[in-house]
């Protein structure tokens, strides 16, 4: 069983990592933790937190001026 990862504005993939952290899922979809955050049930998840959800969203952060 895996976690479905939806990159908002991009692709959706199922990642088959057992007990993944948010950082693991970001690496799996080739997104840096410095440029995005993982949302589980609409709430931000720390990079080192184990994901206990079937589906998450990756929200890219926008910076600049």
N, C-alpha and C. Protein backbone atom coordinates (compact mmCIF):
# COMPACT_ATOMS: atom_id res chain seq x y z
N UNK A 1 0.85 -1.18 0.00
CA UNK A 1 0.00 0.00 0.00
C UNK A 1 0.89 1.24 0.00
N UNK A 2 0.46 2.25 -0.70
CA UNK A 2 1.25 3.46 -0.79
C UNK A 2 0.45 4.69 -0.41
N UNK A 3 1.09 5.81 -0.62
CA UNK A 3 0.46 7.10 -0.37
C UNK A 3 0.30 7.79 -1.71
N UNK A 4 -0.89 8.28 -1.98
CA UNK A 4 -1.13 9.04 -3.20
C UNK A 4 -0.68 10.47 -2.93
N UNK A 5 0.25 10.95 -3.77
CA UNK A 5 0.81 12.28 -3.61
C UNK A 5 0.36 13.14 -4.78
N UNK A 6 -0.37 14.18 -4.48
CA UNK A 6 -0.82 15.12 -5.50
C UNK A 6 0.02 16.38 -5.38
N UNK A 7 0.79 16.67 -6.43
CA UNK A 7 1.52 17.93 -6.49
C UNK A 7 0.53 18.93 -7.08
N UNK A 8 0.11 19.90 -6.28
CA UNK A 8 -0.91 20.86 -6.71
C UNK A 8 -0.41 21.58 -7.96
N UNK A 9 -1.21 21.53 -9.02
CA UNK A 9 -0.82 22.14 -10.29
C UNK A 9 0.07 21.24 -11.13
N UNK A 10 0.25 20.00 -10.70
CA UNK A 10 1.14 19.07 -11.40
C UNK A 10 0.59 17.66 -11.39
N UNK A 11 1.48 16.73 -11.24
CA UNK A 11 1.13 15.32 -11.34
C UNK A 11 0.59 14.74 -10.03
N UNK A 12 -0.02 13.58 -10.14
CA UNK A 12 -0.46 12.79 -8.99
C UNK A 12 0.13 11.40 -9.16
N UNK A 13 0.81 10.92 -8.10
CA UNK A 13 1.45 9.60 -8.16
C UNK A 13 1.23 8.85 -6.86
N UNK A 14 1.25 7.54 -6.96
CA UNK A 14 1.23 6.71 -5.76
C UNK A 14 2.66 6.34 -5.43
N UNK A 15 3.06 6.60 -4.20
CA UNK A 15 4.43 6.33 -3.75
C UNK A 15 4.37 5.13 -2.81
N UNK A 16 5.11 4.10 -3.12
CA UNK A 16 5.09 2.87 -2.34
C UNK A 16 6.21 2.76 -1.32
N UNK A 17 6.26 3.70 -0.40
CA UNK A 17 7.26 3.67 0.67
C UNK A 17 6.52 3.33 1.96
N UNK A 18 7.04 2.35 2.69
CA UNK A 18 6.40 1.99 3.95
C UNK A 18 6.79 2.99 5.03
N UNK A 19 5.82 3.50 5.75
CA UNK A 19 5.97 4.54 6.79
C UNK A 19 6.85 5.70 6.33
N UNK A 20 6.41 6.41 5.28
CA UNK A 20 7.21 7.53 4.77
C UNK A 20 7.07 8.77 5.66
N UNK A 21 8.10 9.59 5.64
CA UNK A 21 8.01 10.92 6.24
C UNK A 21 7.61 11.88 5.13
N UNK A 22 7.26 13.09 5.52
CA UNK A 22 6.93 14.11 4.53
C UNK A 22 8.13 14.36 3.61
N UNK A 23 9.33 14.38 4.17
CA UNK A 23 10.54 14.59 3.37
C UNK A 23 10.74 13.45 2.36
N UNK A 24 10.44 12.21 2.75
CA UNK A 24 10.54 11.07 1.84
C UNK A 24 9.63 11.28 0.63
N UNK A 25 8.41 11.72 0.89
CA UNK A 25 7.45 11.92 -0.20
C UNK A 25 7.88 13.06 -1.11
N UNK A 26 8.42 14.13 -0.54
CA UNK A 26 8.92 15.23 -1.37
C UNK A 26 10.06 14.76 -2.27
N UNK A 27 10.99 13.98 -1.71
CA UNK A 27 12.08 13.44 -2.54
C UNK A 27 11.54 12.55 -3.65
N UNK A 28 10.53 11.76 -3.35
CA UNK A 28 9.97 10.82 -4.32
C UNK A 28 9.34 11.53 -5.52
N UNK A 29 8.85 12.75 -5.31
CA UNK A 29 8.26 13.51 -6.42
C UNK A 29 9.23 14.60 -6.90
N UNK A 30 10.48 14.51 -6.46
CA UNK A 30 11.56 15.40 -6.90
C UNK A 30 11.28 16.87 -6.60
N UNK A 31 10.84 17.14 -5.37
CA UNK A 31 10.59 18.50 -4.92
C UNK A 31 11.39 18.72 -3.63
N UNK A 32 12.08 19.85 -3.55
CA UNK A 32 12.88 20.18 -2.38
C UNK A 32 11.98 20.62 -1.22
N UNK A 33 12.32 20.22 0.01
CA UNK A 33 11.54 20.67 1.16
C UNK A 33 11.65 22.19 1.38
N UNK A 34 12.63 22.82 0.72
CA UNK A 34 12.79 24.27 0.83
C UNK A 34 11.82 25.02 -0.08
N UNK A 35 11.19 24.31 -1.01
CA UNK A 35 10.29 24.98 -1.94
C UNK A 35 8.84 24.49 -1.88
N UNK A 36 8.54 23.61 -0.92
CA UNK A 36 7.18 23.08 -0.84
C UNK A 36 6.88 22.58 0.57
N UNK A 37 5.59 22.36 0.81
CA UNK A 37 5.16 21.76 2.07
C UNK A 37 4.16 20.64 1.76
N UNK A 38 4.10 19.68 2.65
CA UNK A 38 3.17 18.56 2.50
C UNK A 38 1.95 18.83 3.38
N UNK A 39 0.78 18.64 2.80
CA UNK A 39 -0.48 18.80 3.53
C UNK A 39 -1.17 17.44 3.64
N UNK A 40 -1.52 17.06 4.85
CA UNK A 40 -2.30 15.85 5.10
C UNK A 40 -3.60 16.29 5.74
N UNK A 41 -4.70 15.94 5.13
CA UNK A 41 -6.02 16.37 5.59
C UNK A 41 -6.10 17.89 5.71
N UNK A 42 -5.41 18.59 4.78
CA UNK A 42 -5.45 20.04 4.73
C UNK A 42 -4.55 20.75 5.72
N UNK A 43 -3.76 19.98 6.48
CA UNK A 43 -2.88 20.58 7.50
C UNK A 43 -1.42 20.34 7.13
N UNK A 44 -0.56 21.34 7.34
CA UNK A 44 0.87 21.16 7.06
C UNK A 44 1.48 20.09 7.96
N UNK A 45 2.40 19.34 7.39
CA UNK A 45 3.08 18.26 8.11
C UNK A 45 4.57 18.59 8.16
N UNK A 46 5.21 18.52 9.34
CA UNK A 46 6.66 18.75 9.41
C UNK A 46 7.42 17.73 8.55
N UNK A 47 8.57 18.12 8.04
CA UNK A 47 9.35 17.25 7.15
C UNK A 47 9.70 15.90 7.78
N UNK A 48 9.92 15.88 9.10
CA UNK A 48 10.34 14.63 9.74
C UNK A 48 9.17 13.81 10.31
N UNK A 49 7.94 14.28 10.07
CA UNK A 49 6.76 13.56 10.57
C UNK A 49 6.42 12.38 9.67
N UNK A 50 6.09 11.26 10.30
CA UNK A 50 5.64 10.08 9.54
C UNK A 50 4.22 10.35 9.06
N UNK A 51 3.97 10.05 7.80
CA UNK A 51 2.67 10.29 7.19
C UNK A 51 1.74 9.12 7.52
N UNK A 52 0.60 9.46 8.11
CA UNK A 52 -0.41 8.45 8.45
C UNK A 52 -1.69 8.81 7.71
N UNK A 53 -1.58 8.92 6.39
CA UNK A 53 -2.72 9.27 5.55
C UNK A 53 -2.57 8.52 4.23
N UNK A 54 -3.69 8.28 3.57
CA UNK A 54 -3.67 7.59 2.28
C UNK A 54 -3.36 8.54 1.14
N UNK A 55 -3.61 9.84 1.37
CA UNK A 55 -3.45 10.83 0.31
C UNK A 55 -2.93 12.13 0.91
N UNK A 56 -1.98 12.76 0.24
CA UNK A 56 -1.45 14.05 0.67
C UNK A 56 -1.35 14.97 -0.54
N UNK A 57 -1.20 16.25 -0.25
CA UNK A 57 -0.97 17.24 -1.29
C UNK A 57 0.39 17.88 -1.04
N UNK A 58 1.09 18.18 -2.12
CA UNK A 58 2.33 18.93 -2.05
C UNK A 58 2.03 20.30 -2.62
N UNK A 59 2.24 21.30 -1.79
CA UNK A 59 1.94 22.69 -2.17
C UNK A 59 3.26 23.43 -2.30
N UNK A 60 3.54 23.85 -3.55
CA UNK A 60 4.78 24.61 -3.78
C UNK A 60 4.63 26.01 -3.20
N UNK A 61 5.69 26.48 -2.56
CA UNK A 61 5.70 27.80 -1.97
C UNK A 61 6.15 28.82 -3.01
N UNK A 62 5.57 29.98 -2.98
CA UNK A 62 5.91 31.04 -3.93
C UNK A 62 6.66 32.12 -3.18
N UNK A 63 7.82 32.49 -3.71
CA UNK A 63 8.60 33.56 -3.10
C UNK A 63 9.03 34.53 -4.19
N UNK A 64 9.54 35.62 -3.78
CA UNK A 64 10.05 36.59 -4.74
C UNK A 64 9.39 37.94 -4.52
N UNK A 65 9.69 38.85 -5.41
CA UNK A 65 9.13 40.16 -5.23
C UNK A 65 8.75 40.82 -6.51
